[in-house]
Amino acid sequence: MALLVLVALTGALMPITSSETAIAANHRLALQTRYAAEAALERAIRELGAAGSWDDVLAGRLQSAVWDSQTSRRLADGAVLDLEVEAAELENAGAGRSGAGRDLPWRLFSHGPLDAVLPRDPSGGLLHTAVWVADDPADGDGDPLRDANGALLLHAAAIGPALAQRAVQATLTRPSPAQRPVVTSWTIVR
């Protein structure tokens, strides 16, 4: 009788154990994806600091060293990532519940696998990163291809299996091209 009770308890605990394993794996992937987005943003900030004119970045004449040859890619799990579609969604709906970045003309600055951003990819090749830039709408010049106030908006995303995505946005400012840029705001948007 006691053996029967133990077998029943074991049978009842098996689904709980396997669901806990799946939850832990999803949580680990979510954290890796968020940290990958942050790493892509940090790298873009470093490269933008070395850029002479942010007008060249906004006009698409200057891009990151992390630049994949294709804006559409099949991910490891078979899902198709199209960065042009992602940019259109970002422009039309913004990011996160607040719709951050809606109605801004976002320009792709950087995109590629995580191992192009980090020396060692902890995701095992599962993650792809992208960073978009936009002119700060508060500069008042009305020209999205010209930076009039030394401020850029950045949207960095990391995309993984099943198009799981985490994204961060930041405002980057510098008083003059000779000075290092400073992050004046940073938020997780997705």
N, C-alpha and C. Protein backbone atom coordinates (compact mmCIF):
# COMPACT_ATOMS: atom_id res chain seq x y z
N MET A 1 0.83 -1.19 0.00
CA MET A 1 0.00 0.00 0.00
C MET A 1 0.88 1.26 0.00
N ALA A 2 1.91 1.27 0.85
CA ALA A 2 2.79 2.43 0.91
C ALA A 2 3.52 2.62 -0.42
N LEU A 3 3.88 1.52 -1.05
CA LEU A 3 4.55 1.60 -2.34
C LEU A 3 3.62 2.21 -3.39
N LEU A 4 2.37 1.86 -3.35
CA LEU A 4 1.39 2.40 -4.29
C LEU A 4 1.23 3.92 -4.10
N VAL A 5 1.23 4.37 -2.85
CA VAL A 5 1.13 5.80 -2.56
C VAL A 5 2.38 6.53 -3.08
N LEU A 6 3.56 5.93 -2.88
CA LEU A 6 4.79 6.54 -3.37
C LEU A 6 4.81 6.63 -4.90
N VAL A 7 4.34 5.59 -5.56
CA VAL A 7 4.28 5.60 -7.02
C VAL A 7 3.32 6.69 -7.50
N ALA A 8 2.19 6.83 -6.83
CA ALA A 8 1.21 7.86 -7.20
C ALA A 8 1.79 9.26 -6.99
N LEU A 9 2.49 9.46 -5.88
CA LEU A 9 3.11 10.76 -5.62
C LEU A 9 4.19 11.08 -6.66
N THR A 10 4.98 10.09 -6.99
CA THR A 10 6.03 10.28 -7.99
C THR A 10 5.41 10.65 -9.34
N GLY A 11 4.35 9.95 -9.70
CA GLY A 11 3.66 10.25 -10.96
C GLY A 11 3.08 11.65 -10.97
N ALA A 12 2.61 12.11 -9.83
CA ALA A 12 2.03 13.46 -9.75
C ALA A 12 3.12 14.53 -9.79
N LEU A 13 4.30 14.23 -9.29
CA LEU A 13 5.38 15.22 -9.25
C LEU A 13 6.14 15.34 -10.57
N MET A 14 6.08 14.33 -11.42
CA MET A 14 6.82 14.35 -12.68
C MET A 14 6.45 15.55 -13.57
N PRO A 15 5.16 15.83 -13.81
CA PRO A 15 4.84 16.99 -14.65
C PRO A 15 5.30 18.31 -14.03
N ILE A 16 5.25 18.40 -12.71
CA ILE A 16 5.69 19.61 -12.03
C ILE A 16 7.18 19.81 -12.26
N THR A 17 7.94 18.74 -12.14
CA THR A 17 9.39 18.83 -12.33
C THR A 17 9.73 19.24 -13.76
N SER A 18 9.06 18.64 -14.75
CA SER A 18 9.37 18.98 -16.14
C SER A 18 8.92 20.40 -16.47
N SER A 19 7.81 20.86 -15.90
CA SER A 19 7.39 22.23 -16.17
C SER A 19 8.33 23.22 -15.48
N GLU A 20 8.85 22.88 -14.31
CA GLU A 20 9.83 23.75 -13.64
C GLU A 20 11.10 23.87 -14.48
N THR A 21 11.51 22.79 -15.10
CA THR A 21 12.70 22.82 -15.96
C THR A 21 12.46 23.73 -17.16
N ALA A 22 11.29 23.63 -17.77
CA ALA A 22 10.96 24.49 -18.91
C ALA A 22 10.89 25.96 -18.50
N ILE A 23 10.31 26.23 -17.35
CA ILE A 23 10.23 27.60 -16.85
C ILE A 23 11.63 28.16 -16.62
N ALA A 24 12.49 27.36 -16.01
CA ALA A 24 13.87 27.82 -15.75
C ALA A 24 14.61 28.08 -17.06
N ALA A 25 14.42 27.22 -18.05
CA ALA A 25 15.09 27.42 -19.35
C ALA A 25 14.59 28.69 -20.03
N ASN A 26 13.29 28.93 -19.99
CA ASN A 26 12.74 30.15 -20.58
C ASN A 26 13.24 31.39 -19.86
N HIS A 27 13.33 31.31 -18.54
CA HIS A 27 13.83 32.45 -17.76
C HIS A 27 15.29 32.73 -18.11
N ARG A 28 16.09 31.68 -18.23
CA ARG A 28 17.50 31.84 -18.59
C ARG A 28 17.62 32.49 -19.98
N LEU A 29 16.81 32.04 -20.95
CA LEU A 29 16.85 32.62 -22.29
C LEU A 29 16.41 34.08 -22.26
N ALA A 30 15.39 34.40 -21.46
CA ALA A 30 14.93 35.79 -21.36
C ALA A 30 16.03 36.69 -20.81
N LEU A 31 16.74 36.21 -19.80
CA LEU A 31 17.84 37.01 -19.24
C LEU A 31 18.98 37.16 -20.24
N GLN A 32 19.34 36.07 -20.91
CA GLN A 32 20.41 36.14 -21.91
C GLN A 32 20.04 37.11 -23.02
N THR A 33 18.77 37.09 -23.42
CA THR A 33 18.32 37.97 -24.49
C THR A 33 18.39 39.43 -24.06
N ARG A 34 17.96 39.71 -22.83
CA ARG A 34 18.03 41.09 -22.34
C ARG A 34 19.48 41.57 -22.24
N TYR A 35 20.34 40.73 -21.69
CA TYR A 35 21.74 41.13 -21.56
C TYR A 35 22.40 41.29 -22.94
N ALA A 36 21.97 40.49 -23.91
CA ALA A 36 22.50 40.63 -25.27
C ALA A 36 22.09 41.98 -25.86
N ALA A 37 20.84 42.40 -25.61
CA ALA A 37 20.39 43.71 -26.09
C ALA A 37 21.21 44.82 -25.44
N GLU A 38 21.47 44.69 -24.15
CA GLU A 38 22.28 45.69 -23.45
C GLU A 38 23.71 45.72 -23.98
N ALA A 39 24.27 44.55 -24.29
CA ALA A 39 25.63 44.49 -24.84
C ALA A 39 25.69 45.15 -26.21
N ALA A 40 24.68 44.90 -27.04
CA ALA A 40 24.64 45.53 -28.36
C ALA A 40 24.53 47.05 -28.23
N LEU A 41 23.74 47.51 -27.27
CA LEU A 41 23.60 48.95 -27.04
C LEU A 41 24.93 49.55 -26.59
N GLU A 42 25.60 48.89 -25.66
CA GLU A 42 26.89 49.40 -25.17
C GLU A 42 27.92 49.49 -26.30
N ARG A 43 27.94 48.48 -27.15
CA ARG A 43 28.90 48.51 -28.27
C ARG A 43 28.56 49.66 -29.23
N ALA A 44 27.27 49.84 -29.51
CA ALA A 44 26.86 50.93 -30.40
C ALA A 44 27.23 52.29 -29.80
N ILE A 45 27.05 52.44 -28.49
CA ILE A 45 27.41 53.69 -27.83
C ILE A 45 28.90 53.97 -28.00
N ARG A 46 29.71 52.93 -27.82
CA ARG A 46 31.16 53.10 -27.99
C ARG A 46 31.50 53.53 -29.42
N GLU A 47 30.87 52.90 -30.40
CA GLU A 47 31.14 53.24 -31.80
C GLU A 47 30.61 54.64 -32.14
N LEU A 48 29.45 55.00 -31.61
CA LEU A 48 28.90 56.33 -31.87
C LEU A 48 29.77 57.42 -31.24
N GLY A 49 30.42 57.08 -30.14
CA GLY A 49 31.33 58.04 -29.51
C GLY A 49 32.52 58.36 -30.40
N ALA A 50 32.91 57.41 -31.23
CA ALA A 50 34.05 57.63 -32.13
C ALA A 50 33.63 58.27 -33.45
N ALA A 51 32.32 58.32 -33.71
CA ALA A 51 31.83 58.90 -34.97
C ALA A 51 31.98 60.42 -34.93
N GLY A 52 32.47 60.97 -36.00
CA GLY A 52 32.64 62.42 -36.07
C GLY A 52 31.31 63.14 -36.11
N SER A 53 30.47 62.77 -37.04
CA SER A 53 29.18 63.45 -37.21
C SER A 53 28.04 62.45 -37.08
N TRP A 54 27.12 62.75 -36.21
CA TRP A 54 25.95 61.88 -36.08
C TRP A 54 25.00 62.07 -37.25
N ASP A 55 25.15 63.15 -38.02
CA ASP A 55 24.35 63.32 -39.23
C ASP A 55 24.62 62.17 -40.20
N ASP A 56 25.89 61.73 -40.28
CA ASP A 56 26.24 60.61 -41.15
C ASP A 56 25.56 59.32 -40.70
N VAL A 57 25.42 59.15 -39.40
CA VAL A 57 24.74 57.96 -38.86
C VAL A 57 23.26 58.03 -39.20
N LEU A 58 22.64 59.18 -38.97
CA LEU A 58 21.20 59.33 -39.23
C LEU A 58 20.87 59.19 -40.70
N ALA A 59 21.78 59.60 -41.57
CA ALA A 59 21.56 59.50 -43.01
C ALA A 59 21.92 58.13 -43.56
N GLY A 60 22.49 57.25 -42.74
CA GLY A 60 22.86 55.92 -43.18
C GLY A 60 24.20 55.83 -43.88
N ARG A 61 24.97 56.91 -43.84
CA ARG A 61 26.29 56.88 -44.48
C ARG A 61 27.35 56.23 -43.60
N LEU A 62 27.06 56.08 -42.32
CA LEU A 62 27.99 55.47 -41.37
C LEU A 62 27.24 54.40 -40.59
N GLN A 63 27.78 53.21 -40.59
CA GLN A 63 27.17 52.12 -39.84
C GLN A 63 28.22 51.44 -38.97
N SER A 64 27.74 50.59 -38.10
CA SER A 64 28.59 49.89 -37.14
C SER A 64 29.50 48.88 -37.83
N ALA A 65 30.55 48.51 -37.14
CA ALA A 65 31.40 47.40 -37.59
C ALA A 65 30.65 46.08 -37.46
N VAL A 66 29.64 46.04 -36.59
CA VAL A 66 28.78 44.85 -36.47
C VAL A 66 27.68 45.01 -37.51
N TRP A 67 27.91 44.49 -38.69
CA TRP A 67 26.97 44.66 -39.79
C TRP A 67 26.89 43.36 -40.57
N ASP A 68 25.80 42.67 -40.44
CA ASP A 68 25.56 41.43 -41.17
C ASP A 68 25.19 41.78 -42.61
N SER A 69 25.47 40.90 -43.53
CA SER A 69 25.20 41.19 -44.94
C SER A 69 23.71 41.14 -45.27
N GLN A 70 22.90 40.49 -44.43
CA GLN A 70 21.48 40.33 -44.72
C GLN A 70 20.63 40.93 -43.60
N THR A 71 19.54 41.61 -43.99
CA THR A 71 18.62 42.12 -42.97
C THR A 71 17.50 41.13 -42.69
N SER A 72 17.45 40.06 -43.46
CA SER A 72 16.51 38.98 -43.20
C SER A 72 17.32 37.71 -42.98
N ARG A 73 16.98 36.98 -41.95
CA ARG A 73 17.79 35.82 -41.58
C ARG A 73 16.92 34.74 -40.97
N ARG A 74 17.27 33.50 -41.26
CA ARG A 74 16.61 32.36 -40.62
C ARG A 74 17.39 32.04 -39.36
N LEU A 75 16.69 32.06 -38.22
CA LEU A 75 17.34 31.79 -36.94
C LEU A 75 17.53 30.29 -36.74
N ALA A 76 18.24 29.92 -35.71
CA ALA A 76 18.59 28.52 -35.45
C ALA A 76 17.37 27.62 -35.34
N ASP A 77 16.25 28.15 -34.83
CA ASP A 77 15.06 27.32 -34.66
C ASP A 77 14.16 27.34 -35.90
N GLY A 78 14.59 28.01 -36.98
CA GLY A 78 13.82 28.06 -38.21
C GLY A 78 12.97 29.31 -38.37
N ALA A 79 12.79 30.09 -37.32
CA ALA A 79 12.01 31.32 -37.41
C ALA A 79 12.75 32.32 -38.31
N VAL A 80 12.00 33.13 -39.03
CA VAL A 80 12.60 34.12 -39.92
C VAL A 80 12.55 35.49 -39.26
N LEU A 81 13.70 36.11 -39.16
CA LEU A 81 13.83 37.46 -38.60
C LEU A 81 14.04 38.42 -39.76
N ASP A 82 13.15 39.40 -39.89
CA ASP A 82 13.26 40.43 -40.93
C ASP A 82 13.39 41.77 -40.23
N LEU A 83 14.58 42.35 -40.26
CA LEU A 83 14.83 43.59 -39.53
C LEU A 83 14.12 44.79 -40.14
N GLU A 84 13.79 44.73 -41.42
CA GLU A 84 13.00 45.82 -42.02
C GLU A 84 11.58 45.81 -41.47
N VAL A 85 11.02 44.63 -41.28
CA VAL A 85 9.69 44.51 -40.67
C VAL A 85 9.76 44.98 -39.22
N GLU A 86 10.81 44.59 -38.51
CA GLU A 86 10.98 45.03 -37.11
C GLU A 86 11.06 46.55 -37.03
N ALA A 87 11.78 47.18 -37.96
CA ALA A 87 11.90 48.65 -37.96
C ALA A 87 10.55 49.30 -38.23
N ALA A 88 9.78 48.74 -39.16
CA ALA A 88 8.46 49.29 -39.46
C ALA A 88 7.53 49.17 -38.26
N GLU A 89 7.60 48.03 -37.56
CA GLU A 89 6.79 47.86 -36.36
C GLU A 89 7.21 48.84 -35.27
N LEU A 90 8.50 49.06 -35.14
CA LEU A 90 9.00 50.01 -34.15
C LEU A 90 8.52 51.42 -34.48
N GLU A 91 8.57 51.77 -35.76
CA GLU A 91 8.13 53.10 -36.17
C GLU A 91 6.62 53.28 -36.01
N ASN A 92 5.85 52.25 -36.32
CA ASN A 92 4.39 52.36 -36.28
C ASN A 92 3.81 52.20 -34.89
N ALA A 93 4.34 51.28 -34.10
CA ALA A 93 3.74 50.98 -32.80
C ALA A 93 4.62 51.36 -31.62
N GLY A 94 5.89 51.61 -31.87
CA GLY A 94 6.79 51.87 -30.75
C GLY A 94 7.16 50.57 -30.06
N ALA A 95 7.76 50.69 -28.91
CA ALA A 95 8.20 49.52 -28.16
C ALA A 95 7.61 49.54 -26.77
N GLY A 96 7.27 48.38 -26.29
CA GLY A 96 6.74 48.28 -24.93
C GLY A 96 5.34 48.84 -24.82
N ARG A 97 4.82 48.82 -23.61
CA ARG A 97 3.46 49.31 -23.37
C ARG A 97 3.31 50.80 -23.63
N SER A 98 4.39 51.55 -23.43
CA SER A 98 4.32 53.00 -23.61
C SER A 98 4.42 53.42 -25.08
N GLY A 99 4.78 52.48 -25.95
CA GLY A 99 4.95 52.82 -27.36
C GLY A 99 6.17 53.69 -27.60
N ALA A 100 7.20 53.50 -26.79
CA ALA A 100 8.41 54.33 -26.87
C ALA A 100 9.00 54.30 -28.27
N GLY A 101 9.24 55.47 -28.83
CA GLY A 101 9.86 55.59 -30.14
C GLY A 101 8.89 55.58 -31.31
N ARG A 102 7.60 55.58 -31.02
CA ARG A 102 6.60 55.56 -32.09
C ARG A 102 6.73 56.81 -32.96
N ASP A 103 6.50 56.63 -34.25
CA ASP A 103 6.50 57.71 -35.25
C ASP A 103 7.87 58.33 -35.50
N LEU A 104 8.92 57.68 -35.07
CA LEU A 104 10.27 58.17 -35.38
C LEU A 104 10.83 57.36 -36.55
N PRO A 105 11.55 57.99 -37.47
CA PRO A 105 12.18 57.24 -38.55
C PRO A 105 13.47 56.57 -38.05
N TRP A 106 13.37 55.31 -37.69
CA TRP A 106 14.51 54.57 -37.15
C TRP A 106 15.40 54.09 -38.28
N ARG A 107 16.70 54.21 -38.09
CA ARG A 107 17.71 53.78 -39.07
C ARG A 107 18.52 52.65 -38.44
N LEU A 108 18.65 51.55 -39.16
CA LEU A 108 19.44 50.42 -38.66
C LEU A 108 20.92 50.82 -38.64
N PHE A 109 21.53 50.73 -37.47
CA PHE A 109 22.94 51.10 -37.31
C PHE A 109 23.84 49.87 -37.18
N SER A 110 23.32 48.84 -36.52
CA SER A 110 24.14 47.67 -36.22
C SER A 110 23.24 46.44 -36.22
N HIS A 111 23.71 45.35 -36.78
CA HIS A 111 22.99 44.08 -36.64
C HIS A 111 23.90 42.91 -36.97
N GLY A 112 23.70 41.85 -36.23
CA GLY A 112 24.49 40.65 -36.45
C GLY A 112 24.31 39.68 -35.31
N PRO A 113 24.91 38.52 -35.42
CA PRO A 113 24.82 37.55 -34.33
C PRO A 113 25.54 38.06 -33.09
N LEU A 114 25.14 37.55 -31.95
CA LEU A 114 25.71 38.01 -30.69
C LEU A 114 27.22 37.83 -30.64
N ASP A 115 27.75 36.80 -31.29
CA ASP A 115 29.20 36.60 -31.24
C ASP A 115 29.97 37.68 -32.01
N ALA A 116 29.29 38.51 -32.79
CA ALA A 116 29.95 39.66 -33.41
C ALA A 116 30.02 40.84 -32.43
N VAL A 117 29.21 40.79 -31.38
CA VAL A 117 29.18 41.85 -30.37
C VAL A 117 30.08 41.49 -29.19
N LEU A 118 29.99 40.24 -28.77
CA LEU A 118 30.75 39.76 -27.61
C LEU A 118 31.84 38.79 -28.05
N PRO A 119 32.96 38.76 -27.36
CA PRO A 119 34.01 37.81 -27.72
C PRO A 119 33.59 36.36 -27.52
N ARG A 120 32.69 36.12 -26.58
CA ARG A 120 32.22 34.75 -26.31
C ARG A 120 30.71 34.81 -26.17
N ASP A 121 30.01 34.10 -27.04
CA ASP A 121 28.55 34.12 -27.07
C ASP A 121 27.99 33.07 -26.11
N PRO A 122 27.40 33.48 -24.98
CA PRO A 122 26.88 32.51 -24.02
C PRO A 122 25.62 31.81 -24.50
N SER A 123 24.99 32.31 -25.56
CA SER A 123 23.74 31.70 -26.03
C SER A 123 24.00 30.54 -26.98
N GLY A 124 25.23 30.32 -27.36
CA GLY A 124 25.53 29.24 -28.28
C GLY A 124 25.04 29.51 -29.70
N GLY A 125 25.03 30.77 -30.11
CA GLY A 125 24.63 31.13 -31.46
C GLY A 125 23.14 31.30 -31.66
N LEU A 126 22.37 31.33 -30.59
CA LEU A 126 20.92 31.44 -30.71
C LEU A 126 20.43 32.88 -30.87
N LEU A 127 21.24 33.87 -30.51
CA LEU A 127 20.75 35.25 -30.46
C LEU A 127 21.32 36.13 -31.57
N HIS A 128 20.48 37.00 -32.08
CA HIS A 128 20.84 37.99 -33.09
C HIS A 128 20.54 39.36 -32.49
N THR A 129 21.41 40.33 -32.72
CA THR A 129 21.21 41.67 -32.14
C THR A 129 21.04 42.71 -33.24
N ALA A 130 20.34 43.78 -32.89
CA ALA A 130 20.16 44.90 -33.82
C ALA A 130 20.05 46.18 -33.01
N VAL A 131 20.62 47.26 -33.55
CA VAL A 131 20.52 48.57 -32.91
C VAL A 131 20.06 49.56 -33.98
N TRP A 132 18.98 50.28 -33.66
CA TRP A 132 18.48 51.34 -34.52
C TRP A 132 18.77 52.68 -33.87
N VAL A 133 18.95 53.72 -34.68
CA VAL A 133 19.14 55.08 -34.18
C VAL A 133 18.06 55.98 -34.78
N ALA A 134 17.72 57.02 -34.03
CA ALA A 134 16.77 58.02 -34.52
C ALA A 134 17.18 59.37 -33.96
N ASP A 135 16.82 60.40 -34.68
CA ASP A 135 17.09 61.76 -34.23
C ASP A 135 16.18 62.07 -33.04
N ASP A 136 16.71 62.81 -32.11
CA ASP A 136 15.93 63.24 -30.95
C ASP A 136 14.84 64.20 -31.43
N PRO A 137 13.56 63.87 -31.24
CA PRO A 137 12.51 64.75 -31.74
C PRO A 137 12.47 66.11 -31.03
N ALA A 138 13.13 66.21 -29.89
CA ALA A 138 13.13 67.47 -29.15
C ALA A 138 14.10 68.50 -29.72
N ASP A 139 14.87 68.13 -30.76
CA ASP A 139 15.84 69.10 -31.27
C ASP A 139 15.17 70.23 -32.06
N GLY A 140 13.95 70.02 -32.51
CA GLY A 140 13.16 71.10 -33.08
C GLY A 140 13.50 71.51 -34.50
N ASP A 141 14.44 70.83 -35.16
CA ASP A 141 14.78 71.26 -36.52
C ASP A 141 13.87 70.63 -37.58
N GLY A 142 13.12 69.60 -37.19
CA GLY A 142 12.19 68.96 -38.12
C GLY A 142 12.86 68.09 -39.17
N ASP A 143 14.14 67.89 -39.09
CA ASP A 143 14.87 67.09 -40.06
C ASP A 143 15.40 65.83 -39.37
N PRO A 144 14.81 64.65 -39.66
CA PRO A 144 15.24 63.42 -38.99
C PRO A 144 16.62 62.94 -39.40
N LEU A 145 17.20 63.54 -40.44
CA LEU A 145 18.54 63.14 -40.90
C LEU A 145 19.62 64.09 -40.42
N ARG A 146 19.25 65.04 -39.58
CA ARG A 146 20.22 66.02 -39.08
C ARG A 146 20.09 66.12 -37.57
N ASP A 147 21.23 66.01 -36.90
CA ASP A 147 21.26 66.14 -35.44
C ASP A 147 21.59 67.58 -35.09
N ALA A 148 20.60 68.29 -34.53
CA ALA A 148 20.80 69.71 -34.23
C ALA A 148 21.17 69.97 -32.77
N ASN A 149 20.93 68.98 -31.90
CA ASN A 149 21.16 69.24 -30.47
C ASN A 149 22.10 68.25 -29.79
N GLY A 150 22.82 67.45 -30.55
CA GLY A 150 23.77 66.51 -29.95
C GLY A 150 23.10 65.40 -29.17
N ALA A 151 21.93 64.95 -29.63
CA ALA A 151 21.23 63.86 -28.94
C ALA A 151 20.68 62.86 -29.95
N LEU A 152 20.85 61.59 -29.64
CA LEU A 152 20.32 60.50 -30.45
C LEU A 152 19.50 59.57 -29.56
N LEU A 153 18.51 58.95 -30.16
CA LEU A 153 17.79 57.88 -29.49
C LEU A 153 18.29 56.57 -30.07
N LEU A 154 18.49 55.58 -29.21
CA LEU A 154 18.93 54.26 -29.64
C LEU A 154 17.94 53.22 -29.15
N HIS A 155 17.67 52.26 -30.01
CA HIS A 155 16.81 51.12 -29.66
C HIS A 155 17.62 49.87 -29.98
N ALA A 156 17.95 49.10 -28.96
CA ALA A 156 18.73 47.87 -29.15
C ALA A 156 17.87 46.68 -28.80
N ALA A 157 17.86 45.69 -29.68
CA ALA A 157 17.06 44.49 -29.46
C ALA A 157 17.93 43.26 -29.67
N ALA A 158 17.60 42.23 -28.93
CA ALA A 158 18.18 40.91 -29.16
C ALA A 158 17.01 39.97 -29.43
N ILE A 159 17.15 39.16 -30.47
CA ILE A 159 16.07 38.28 -30.89
C ILE A 159 16.59 36.86 -30.84
N GLY A 160 15.78 35.97 -30.27
CA GLY A 160 16.19 34.59 -30.12
C GLY A 160 15.20 33.62 -30.71
N PRO A 161 15.24 32.37 -30.26
CA PRO A 161 14.35 31.34 -30.78
C PRO A 161 12.88 31.76 -30.66
N ALA A 162 12.10 31.37 -31.67
CA ALA A 162 10.67 31.70 -31.73
C ALA A 162 10.45 33.21 -31.71
N LEU A 163 11.46 33.96 -32.18
CA LEU A 163 11.43 35.42 -32.22
C LEU A 163 11.23 36.05 -30.85
N ALA A 164 11.67 35.34 -29.80
CA ALA A 164 11.66 35.93 -28.46
C ALA A 164 12.55 37.16 -28.50
N GLN A 165 12.08 38.25 -27.91
CA GLN A 165 12.81 39.50 -28.06
C GLN A 165 12.83 40.28 -26.75
N ARG A 166 13.97 40.90 -26.49
CA ARG A 166 14.12 41.85 -25.40
C ARG A 166 14.76 43.09 -26.00
N ALA A 167 14.37 44.25 -25.50
CA ALA A 167 14.88 45.50 -26.07
C ALA A 167 15.08 46.54 -24.99
N VAL A 168 16.04 47.41 -25.24
CA VAL A 168 16.31 48.56 -24.37
C VAL A 168 16.41 49.79 -25.26
N GLN A 169 16.04 50.93 -24.70
CA GLN A 169 16.19 52.19 -25.40
C GLN A 169 17.00 53.14 -24.54
N ALA A 170 17.76 53.98 -25.21
CA ALA A 170 18.58 54.96 -24.49
C ALA A 170 18.62 56.26 -25.27
N THR A 171 18.83 57.34 -24.54
CA THR A 171 19.10 58.64 -25.15
C THR A 171 20.57 58.93 -24.92
N LEU A 172 21.26 59.24 -25.99
CA LEU A 172 22.69 59.49 -25.96
C LEU A 172 22.92 60.96 -26.32
N THR A 173 23.68 61.66 -25.50
CA THR A 173 23.95 63.08 -25.78
C THR A 173 25.44 63.35 -25.73
N ARG A 174 25.84 64.35 -26.51
CA ARG A 174 27.21 64.88 -26.43
C ARG A 174 27.15 66.34 -26.89
N PRO A 175 27.74 67.21 -26.09
CA PRO A 175 27.71 68.64 -26.42
C PRO A 175 28.45 68.98 -27.72
N SER A 176 29.52 68.24 -28.02
CA SER A 176 30.25 68.49 -29.26
C SER A 176 30.85 67.17 -29.73
N PRO A 177 31.16 67.05 -31.04
CA PRO A 177 31.74 65.80 -31.55
C PRO A 177 33.06 65.42 -30.89
N ALA A 178 33.76 66.38 -30.30
CA ALA A 178 35.04 66.09 -29.65
C ALA A 178 34.85 65.45 -28.28
N GLN A 179 33.66 65.53 -27.72
CA GLN A 179 33.42 65.00 -26.38
C GLN A 179 32.81 63.60 -26.44
N ARG A 180 33.03 62.85 -25.37
CA ARG A 180 32.44 61.52 -25.27
C ARG A 180 30.95 61.63 -25.03
N PRO A 181 30.16 60.75 -25.64
CA PRO A 181 28.72 60.81 -25.40
C PRO A 181 28.37 60.28 -24.01
N VAL A 182 27.24 60.74 -23.51
CA VAL A 182 26.75 60.35 -22.19
C VAL A 182 25.34 59.81 -22.35
N VAL A 183 25.06 58.71 -21.69
CA VAL A 183 23.70 58.16 -21.68
C VAL A 183 22.89 58.97 -20.67
N THR A 184 21.85 59.65 -21.14
CA THR A 184 21.03 60.47 -20.24
C THR A 184 19.75 59.76 -19.83
N SER A 185 19.36 58.72 -20.56
CA SER A 185 18.23 57.89 -20.13
C SER A 185 18.41 56.49 -20.69
N TRP A 186 17.87 55.53 -19.98
CA TRP A 186 18.02 54.12 -20.34
C TRP A 186 16.80 53.40 -19.79
N THR A 187 16.12 52.65 -20.62
CA THR A 187 14.95 51.93 -20.13
C THR A 187 14.78 50.61 -20.88
N ILE A 188 14.29 49.63 -20.16
CA ILE A 188 13.94 48.34 -20.77
C ILE A 188 12.54 48.52 -21.34
N VAL A 189 12.37 48.29 -22.63
CA VAL A 189 11.07 48.52 -23.26
C VAL A 189 10.36 47.24 -23.66
N ARG A 190 11.04 46.12 -23.65
CA ARG A 190 10.39 44.88 -24.04
C ARG A 190 11.05 43.72 -23.35
